[in-house]
Structure formats: C-alpha cells, structure tokens
Amino acid sequence: MTNSAVAKKSYFTYSDYKAWELAPGERFELICGEAYAMAAPSYYHQSILMELAGQLRDYLKGKPCKVIPAPYDVRLFYADDETDNTVVQPDISVICSAGKRAPEACRGAPDLAVEILSPSNTAGEMGRKFDLYRLAGVREYWVLDPAMKTLYAYRFNGEAILAKAYTAADSFQAGIFPDLPIDLQSVFEEEPPL
C-alpha cells in the first residue's frame, strides 16, 4: 500500500486490505471502505496498554474470553467472501467466542474494545469508531485518555448506552465482567520518559 495506491482507489474491501504490501511498521485501518493510516504509538501509550492488558489477561486466565493487544485486525462486519469494508485495530480486544478468534483477524465484533487516545486521534475518528462498535455488537467500549488520566466506559445494551467517566483515583468495575476491578492508578501510573 502506498499513498499513490490510495489516490488511485477510494473504496476498499477486506480482500483489497489483505493484499496490501506495507512497509515495516506501517499500519492502516479500513473504515467503511476508506483507508486511514495509523501513527506509531508513544511510550506512554504502550505502557498504559501493557498494564491494562496484563490486568485483563490475569483475570481471564482459565476463562473462555481472551485478551489480544494490537496490532490484531478486527473485521467488525465479517463476510466470508471478504467483501466486508471495515477493519479496525483496537488497542485491546477481548474476544469471548472461540469461533471469532481466527489467525488473521477477529471475525466479527469483540466483546470489549479498548482504544487509548494518541495526539493523532481526532474527535471525528473516535465518533465513527463509537458508532461502528455499537452497530457491530461490541458489548463494552473503553476509551482511555492518557493526557487526562481518564477512562470513559460505554456499555451498549440494545439501544441503551450506559456511559461513565473514571479518573485514576476512582475504582472501576468492568461492566461485562462485574467481578473484575481495574486498578486505574496502576494503568496511568508510569509517566513518559524525558
């Protein structure tokens, strides 16, 4: 995939996406057929990801749900013929159905999608992803804001959306795993190196 390849075509499917030859470290998401380049995450972003993924991994040991950090493709509206046009890479996916955990990608909506904001994230991008996750059937969606040290949790229950914000000082219980306390102080504790 090159910028000139994107300029020549404006609508892509998963079949196109998987055929792209990317440079090392280059990543794209495909949202409603449109390609979006992804910037490399920062040290602090990755520190948050590792701590949160570790807490989820420890909790899920021996349970059917599995935690998978990015980069791992999620084909939200999976189609066997590869005509689906939305492939995202949440920072963390929790997938409870073994049938969805394929070697190449999650085939359908994960149960939990976690995004950690970076300076390159836009409000429009996050709004699109919010809508896509809800429509695809994600049960819970977390957005972590490293700058504000805040976690925004959204539970999708049919048409109802339950939303709440938590700071590093708060106690947070995951909605889909009610016996899982998340230690937000540990998640946000490590400061970026100078």
Foldseek 3Di string as FASTA:
>chain_A
DDPVVCVVDAFDFQVRVVPDDDDPPWDWWFARRGIDTDDDDAPLLVLLLVQQQVLVQVVCVVAQKHKDAPPAWAQAAADPVRRRGGIDGARMFIARDPVQDDPRHRRHAGQEGEHEDDPPDDPVNVVSVVVSNLVRDHQKYWYAYLVQQKIWIWGHDPPDIDIDMDHQPDWDADDVHRVRIDNSCSSNVDDHDD
